[in-house]
Amino acid sequence: MPLYPEIEPYEHGMLDVGDGNRVYWEVCGNPRGKPAVVLHGGPGSGSNAYFPRLFDPEAYRIVLLDQRGCGRSTPPASAYETDMSVNTTAHLIADLELLRRHLGIERWLVWGVSWGSVLGLRYAQTHPGAVSELVLTGVATGSNAEVALLTRGLGKLYPEAFEKFLAELPEGEREGNLAAAYNRLLESPDVKVRERAARAWTDWETAFAALPPRSVPRYEDPEFRMRFARTVTHYWGNDHFLGEGNDEGVVLRDAHLLKGIPGTLVQGGLDFGNLLGVVWRLQHAWPGSELVMVDEVGHNAGAPGMAEALVAATDRYATGR
C-alpha cells in the first residue's frame, strides 16, 4: 500500500500556550474530513512533511504541530535562555487540548511515533473523551527502564561508541542516570560544554539507532543538535515528567484506562525497545488494541513495510467518527 502524495497545508498559525511559548501548527487534507493529530518524536524532533503522507487526504483533516521548543515553535530549546521548566509532559498535553479547542475539534485520531507514542498514550489516558483512535509506531512508554536500556544497557552491544559517550562526562557523573548527567552539561553556562555534550549525545544515538553507514543528516545541523539533545535529556533525565512509580512505567500501569479506544501498534521487529517487551505488554494490557510486527525493521517509521502498515491502519480508521 503506497504512501499518499505530498500535500501543502491549507491553514497554519502560532498558538499562544502561555509561559512565553507559542506553538506552531498546521492543517492539511480535507477541511471536512476525520480529524487526526500527529505527535512527533524526540522529544525535540519536530514535525515533517512525511507524516501527512500516511493519511488519505480526502478522508482526513490532518493536524501537525511542533511541540514546545521544537521546529518552528518559539522560543527554541536550542537557546540557552529558554526556560525548560515549562516544557513537561503535562504542559504538552495541555497544549494539545488548547489546540483541539482552538480548531473546533471534538475528537481526533492520535498518531504518534517514538516519544510521540508516549505522549499520545498519556494524553489518551488523561483525556479519553478527546481520542477516537490511536495509531502508534516505534512504540515506547517512557519508563525509566527504557531510558536505562538506551543510555547504558546498549553499551554492551556498542562498546566503542559507549566508551566515547561516557568519556564526555566527568568521572563522578558516569554512574546513575546518564541522561540527567548529560542534561546538566547541556544546561551549563559554558557554550563549549553545551556544544560538546550535544555532539556526544547525538553521536551515541546515531551509533545505536541509525543503520549503516551510521549517519543522521539532521544531527549535522548545530541548532537542531542542541535543541534535540537538550530536550530529550530534559525528559529522559526527569522520569519523562510522569510522576512517581515510573521505574517500570506509569503509562503501562495505566493501560487499562485506554479501554474503549481502538488502537493499532506498528512495531519494527528489530526495534531495541522490544528487548524489554514493552509493546507486547502494552498490547496485552490494552483492551481493543492490535499489534502489527514488521520483520527486519528497527526504530524507523519510514522503512519499507512500516509505511504500508501505518497507511493500512489509518485507512481502516478513516470511516470512523
Protein backbone atom coordinates (compact mmCIF):
# COMPACT_ATOMS: atom_id res chain seq x y z
CA MET A 1 0.00 0.00 0.00
CA PRO A 2 1.84 3.16 -1.20
CA LEU A 3 2.18 6.46 0.60
CA TYR A 4 -0.23 9.22 -0.31
CA PRO A 5 1.17 12.18 -2.31
CA GLU A 6 2.79 15.14 -0.59
CA ILE A 7 0.35 17.92 0.25
CA GLU A 8 0.63 21.51 1.42
CA PRO A 9 -1.17 22.86 4.49
CA TYR A 10 -4.24 24.96 3.84
CA GLU A 11 -4.10 26.61 7.27
CA HIS A 12 -1.37 27.31 9.83
CA GLY A 13 -0.64 29.52 12.78
CA MET A 14 1.17 30.14 16.06
CA LEU A 15 -0.83 29.31 19.19
CA ASP A 16 -0.02 31.18 22.39
CA VAL A 17 0.03 28.41 25.01
CA GLY A 18 1.31 30.53 27.88
CA ASP A 19 4.61 30.64 29.74
CA GLY A 20 6.04 32.70 26.88
CA ASN A 21 5.62 29.79 24.45
CA ARG A 22 3.99 29.87 21.01
CA VAL A 23 3.35 26.53 19.31
CA TYR A 24 3.39 26.22 15.52
CA TRP A 25 0.53 24.23 13.98
CA GLU A 26 -0.75 23.48 10.50
CA VAL A 27 -3.66 21.61 8.94
CA CYS A 28 -3.78 19.78 5.62
CA GLY A 29 -6.09 17.36 3.82
CA ASN A 30 -9.88 17.68 3.77
CA PRO A 31 -11.30 20.51 5.96
CA ARG A 32 -14.41 18.36 6.49
CA GLY A 33 -12.52 15.10 6.97
CA LYS A 34 -11.97 12.98 10.05
CA PRO A 35 -9.66 14.91 12.42
CA ALA A 36 -6.25 13.41 13.19
CA VAL A 37 -3.33 14.90 15.11
CA VAL A 38 0.29 13.88 14.56
CA LEU A 39 2.72 13.76 17.50
CA HIS A 40 6.36 13.78 16.50
CA GLY A 41 9.20 12.03 18.27
CA GLY A 42 12.27 13.06 20.20
CA PRO A 43 11.34 14.67 22.46
CA GLY A 44 12.70 17.55 20.39
CA SER A 45 12.47 16.41 16.78
CA GLY A 46 9.64 18.46 15.25
CA SER A 47 7.10 17.58 12.58
CA ASN A 48 7.90 16.94 8.92
CA ALA A 49 6.26 16.52 5.51
CA TYR A 50 6.42 12.71 5.64
CA PHE A 51 3.74 12.30 8.29
CA PRO A 52 0.71 13.54 6.26
CA ARG A 53 1.56 11.02 3.54
CA LEU A 54 0.37 8.28 5.90
CA PHE A 55 -3.21 9.62 5.70
CA ASP A 56 -5.75 9.71 2.89
CA PRO A 57 -6.02 13.48 2.25
CA GLU A 58 -9.60 13.07 1.00
CA ALA A 59 -10.65 11.35 4.22
CA TYR A 60 -8.66 13.17 6.91
CA ARG A 61 -8.25 16.64 8.34
CA ILE A 62 -4.61 16.25 9.38
CA VAL A 63 -3.22 18.44 12.18
CA LEU A 64 0.52 18.73 12.76
CA LEU A 65 2.29 20.72 15.45
CA ASP A 66 5.79 21.35 16.68
CA GLN A 67 5.84 20.69 20.42
CA ARG A 68 7.23 23.32 22.79
CA GLY A 69 10.77 24.33 21.91
CA CYS A 70 10.76 22.28 18.67
CA GLY A 71 10.78 23.14 14.98
CA ARG A 72 9.00 26.42 14.30
CA SER A 73 7.65 26.84 17.82
CA THR A 74 9.16 29.57 19.97
CA PRO A 75 11.27 30.05 21.95
CA PRO A 76 13.57 27.28 20.68
CA ALA A 77 15.03 24.82 23.17
CA SER A 78 18.39 25.41 21.48
CA ALA A 79 18.56 28.90 23.02
CA TYR A 80 20.29 28.81 26.41
CA GLU A 81 17.87 31.36 27.90
CA THR A 82 14.79 29.27 27.07
CA ASP A 83 13.07 28.15 30.27
CA MET A 84 12.78 24.36 30.14
CA SER A 85 10.88 24.15 33.44
CA VAL A 86 7.69 24.91 31.50
CA ASN A 87 8.33 22.13 29.00
CA THR A 88 6.92 18.95 30.56
CA THR A 89 4.51 16.19 29.61
CA ALA A 90 1.69 17.97 31.44
CA HIS A 91 2.41 21.18 29.52
CA LEU A 92 2.37 19.35 26.17
CA ILE A 93 -0.92 17.63 27.00
CA ALA A 94 -2.44 20.99 27.94
CA ASP A 95 -1.18 22.41 24.62
CA LEU A 96 -2.93 19.62 22.72
CA GLU A 97 -6.20 20.39 24.45
CA LEU A 98 -5.81 24.12 23.75
CA LEU A 99 -5.12 23.42 20.07
CA ARG A 100 -8.04 20.98 19.80
CA ARG A 101 -10.43 23.58 21.14
CA HIS A 102 -8.85 26.32 19.01
CA LEU A 103 -9.55 24.26 15.88
CA GLY A 104 -13.08 23.37 16.97
CA ILE A 105 -12.40 19.63 17.06
CA GLU A 106 -14.44 17.38 19.35
CA ARG A 107 -12.43 14.14 18.97
CA TRP A 108 -9.45 13.21 16.88
CA LEU A 109 -7.38 10.19 15.97
CA VAL A 110 -3.98 10.46 17.66
CA TRP A 111 -0.95 9.31 15.66
CA GLY A 112 2.42 9.16 17.43
CA VAL A 113 5.94 8.00 16.76
CA SER A 114 8.53 7.09 19.42
CA TRP A 115 8.25 9.84 22.09
CA GLY A 116 5.04 10.82 20.31
CA SER A 117 3.65 7.42 21.23
CA VAL A 118 4.39 8.09 24.92
CA LEU A 119 2.73 11.49 24.70
CA GLY A 120 -0.23 10.08 22.76
CA LEU A 121 -0.78 7.28 25.25
CA ARG A 122 -0.66 9.60 28.24
CA TYR A 123 -2.93 12.10 26.51
CA ALA A 124 -5.47 9.36 25.79
CA GLN A 125 -5.28 8.09 29.38
CA THR A 126 -5.96 11.55 30.80
CA HIS A 127 -8.39 12.79 28.10
CA PRO A 128 -10.08 9.64 26.74
CA GLY A 129 -13.13 11.55 25.52
CA ALA A 130 -10.99 13.52 23.08
CA VAL A 131 -9.42 10.48 21.38
CA SER A 132 -11.26 8.42 18.76
CA GLU A 133 -8.37 6.02 17.95
CA LEU A 134 -4.62 5.68 18.41
CA VAL A 135 -2.07 4.68 15.76
CA LEU A 136 1.40 4.39 17.27
CA THR A 137 4.78 3.32 15.92
CA GLY A 138 8.27 2.99 17.34
CA VAL A 139 6.28 2.37 20.49
CA ALA A 140 7.68 3.46 23.84
CA THR A 141 6.08 4.09 27.22
CA GLY A 142 8.62 6.45 28.79
CA SER A 143 9.63 4.21 31.67
CA ASN A 144 12.94 4.61 33.47
CA ALA A 145 13.79 1.05 32.47
CA GLU A 146 13.58 2.06 28.80
CA VAL A 147 15.84 5.07 29.39
CA ALA A 148 18.36 2.87 31.23
CA LEU A 149 18.37 0.42 28.31
CA LEU A 150 19.02 3.10 25.70
CA THR A 151 21.61 5.05 27.67
CA ARG A 152 23.51 2.26 29.42
CA GLY A 153 22.24 -1.22 28.55
CA LEU A 154 23.08 -0.92 24.84
CA GLY A 155 26.65 -0.10 25.78
CA LYS A 156 27.35 -3.86 25.80
CA LEU A 157 26.37 -4.00 22.12
CA TYR A 158 28.27 -0.86 21.10
CA PRO A 159 31.25 -0.73 23.50
CA GLU A 160 33.44 1.62 21.46
CA ALA A 161 30.67 4.20 20.98
CA PHE A 162 29.63 3.81 24.63
CA GLU A 163 33.15 4.48 25.85
CA LYS A 164 33.14 7.75 23.90
CA PHE A 165 29.69 8.56 25.27
CA LEU A 166 30.87 8.13 28.87
CA ALA A 167 34.13 9.99 28.25
CA GLU A 168 32.33 13.30 27.78
CA LEU A 169 31.03 13.11 31.36
CA PRO A 170 33.10 13.95 34.45
CA GLU A 171 34.18 10.77 36.23
CA GLY A 172 31.78 11.36 39.11
CA GLU A 173 28.83 11.57 36.69
CA ARG A 174 29.30 8.22 34.95
CA GLU A 175 27.03 6.23 37.26
CA GLY A 176 23.30 6.55 37.73
CA ASN A 177 21.04 8.37 35.27
CA LEU A 178 23.24 9.23 32.29
CA ALA A 179 20.52 11.32 30.62
CA ALA A 180 20.32 13.53 33.72
CA ALA A 181 24.12 13.85 33.77
CA TYR A 182 24.15 14.93 30.13
CA ASN A 183 21.31 17.36 30.77
CA ARG A 184 23.43 19.06 33.41
CA LEU A 185 26.14 19.58 30.77
CA LEU A 186 23.56 20.90 28.33
CA GLU A 187 22.42 23.45 30.93
CA SER A 188 26.00 24.65 31.51
CA PRO A 189 26.60 28.41 31.09
CA ASP A 190 29.69 27.47 29.04
CA VAL A 191 28.66 27.29 25.37
CA LYS A 192 31.59 24.99 24.52
CA VAL A 193 30.50 22.50 27.18
CA ARG A 194 26.97 22.55 25.77
CA GLU A 195 28.16 22.09 22.20
CA ARG A 196 30.41 19.13 23.06
CA ALA A 197 27.63 17.49 25.07
CA ALA A 198 25.11 17.88 22.25
CA ARG A 199 27.53 16.34 19.77
CA ALA A 200 28.39 13.45 22.10
CA TRP A 201 24.72 12.73 22.80
CA THR A 202 23.72 12.65 19.14
CA ASP A 203 26.80 10.57 18.28
CA TRP A 204 25.60 7.96 20.79
CA GLU A 205 22.06 7.98 19.40
CA THR A 206 23.48 7.62 15.89
CA ALA A 207 25.55 4.62 16.99
CA PHE A 208 22.60 2.56 18.18
CA ALA A 209 19.63 3.95 16.25
CA ALA A 210 20.94 4.55 12.73
CA LEU A 211 21.56 1.88 10.14
CA PRO A 212 24.91 1.72 8.31
CA PRO A 213 26.62 3.97 7.32
CA ARG A 214 25.61 5.28 10.77
CA SER A 215 24.62 8.75 9.66
CA VAL A 216 21.74 11.05 10.67
CA PRO A 217 21.95 14.18 8.49
CA ARG A 218 19.82 16.37 10.77
CA TYR A 219 22.34 15.88 13.59
CA GLU A 220 24.85 17.82 11.49
CA ASP A 221 22.76 20.97 11.99
CA PRO A 222 24.14 22.61 15.20
CA GLU A 223 20.80 24.24 16.06
CA PHE A 224 18.84 21.02 15.66
CA ARG A 225 21.51 19.07 17.53
CA MET A 226 21.32 21.41 20.53
CA ARG A 227 17.53 21.59 20.53
CA PHE A 228 17.17 17.83 20.30
CA ALA A 229 19.83 16.89 22.85
CA ARG A 230 18.68 19.45 25.41
CA THR A 231 15.04 18.42 25.12
CA VAL A 232 15.47 14.66 25.11
CA THR A 233 17.84 14.70 28.10
CA HIS A 234 15.46 17.07 29.92
CA TYR A 235 12.68 14.48 29.60
CA TRP A 236 14.74 11.31 29.96
CA GLY A 237 16.57 12.72 32.96
CA ASN A 238 13.34 13.60 34.76
CA ASP A 239 11.22 10.42 34.54
CA HIS A 240 9.51 11.88 31.44
CA PHE A 241 7.64 14.02 33.99
CA LEU A 242 5.25 11.12 34.54
CA GLY A 243 5.46 11.16 38.32
CA GLU A 244 6.32 8.55 40.91
CA GLY A 245 6.36 4.88 40.07
CA ASN A 246 7.88 5.29 36.62
CA ASP A 247 10.63 2.71 37.01
CA GLU A 248 8.51 0.10 35.23
CA GLY A 249 6.21 2.66 33.65
CA VAL A 250 3.27 4.83 34.64
CA VAL A 251 1.87 4.61 31.11
CA LEU A 252 1.99 0.82 31.11
CA ARG A 253 0.50 0.69 34.61
CA ASP A 254 -2.45 2.79 33.42
CA ALA A 255 -3.02 0.91 30.16
CA HIS A 256 -6.46 -0.16 31.39
CA LEU A 257 -7.58 3.47 31.08
CA LEU A 258 -7.41 3.04 27.29
CA LYS A 259 -10.33 0.61 27.31
CA GLY A 260 -12.85 1.68 24.71
CA ILE A 261 -10.27 3.42 22.50
CA PRO A 262 -9.31 1.30 19.46
CA GLY A 263 -5.60 1.26 18.73
CA THR A 264 -3.01 -0.10 16.33
CA LEU A 265 0.64 -0.53 17.33
CA VAL A 266 3.04 -0.87 14.38
CA GLN A 267 6.45 -2.02 15.54
CA GLY A 268 9.68 -2.98 13.85
CA GLY A 269 10.85 -6.43 14.86
CA LEU A 270 14.40 -5.11 15.39
CA ASP A 271 13.41 -2.08 17.48
CA PHE A 272 15.59 -2.09 20.62
CA GLY A 273 12.57 -1.16 22.73
CA ASN A 274 11.36 -4.72 22.15
CA LEU A 275 14.13 -6.03 24.40
CA LEU A 276 12.02 -5.07 27.42
CA GLY A 277 8.81 -6.46 25.93
CA VAL A 278 7.13 -3.08 26.31
CA VAL A 279 4.99 -3.13 23.16
CA TRP A 280 3.86 -6.71 23.80
CA ARG A 281 2.96 -5.91 27.40
CA LEU A 282 1.12 -2.75 26.37
CA GLN A 283 -0.97 -4.54 23.75
CA HIS A 284 -1.96 -7.26 26.19
CA ALA A 285 -2.92 -4.72 28.86
CA TRP A 286 -4.95 -2.55 26.46
CA PRO A 287 -8.35 -3.99 25.55
CA GLY A 288 -9.24 -3.29 21.93
CA SER A 289 -5.70 -2.82 20.63
CA GLU A 290 -3.80 -4.75 17.97
CA LEU A 291 -0.08 -5.24 17.39
CA VAL A 292 1.40 -5.36 13.89
CA MET A 293 5.05 -6.50 13.80
CA VAL A 294 7.17 -5.70 10.74
CA ASP A 295 10.15 -8.01 10.27
CA GLU A 296 13.73 -6.80 9.71
CA VAL A 297 12.94 -3.19 10.63
CA GLY A 298 14.21 -1.18 13.58
CA HIS A 299 13.08 2.13 15.07
CA ASN A 300 12.11 3.69 11.74
CA ALA A 301 8.58 4.70 10.76
CA GLY A 302 9.68 5.33 7.17
CA ALA A 303 11.19 1.92 6.49
CA PRO A 304 9.73 -0.42 3.86
CA GLY A 305 6.90 -2.37 5.42
CA MET A 306 6.35 0.15 8.20
CA ALA A 307 4.82 2.80 5.97
CA GLU A 308 2.49 0.25 4.37
CA ALA A 309 1.31 -0.98 7.77
CA LEU A 310 0.74 2.57 9.02
CA VAL A 311 -1.24 3.54 5.91
CA ALA A 312 -3.33 0.38 6.29
CA ALA A 313 -4.14 1.41 9.87
CA THR A 314 -5.17 4.97 9.04
CA ASP A 315 -7.20 3.75 6.05
CA ARG A 316 -9.07 1.33 8.27
CA TYR A 317 -9.97 4.05 10.77
CA ALA A 318 -10.83 6.64 8.11
CA THR A 319 -14.55 5.94 8.09
CA GLY A 320 -14.97 6.02 11.87
CA ARG A 321 -16.10 9.20 13.56
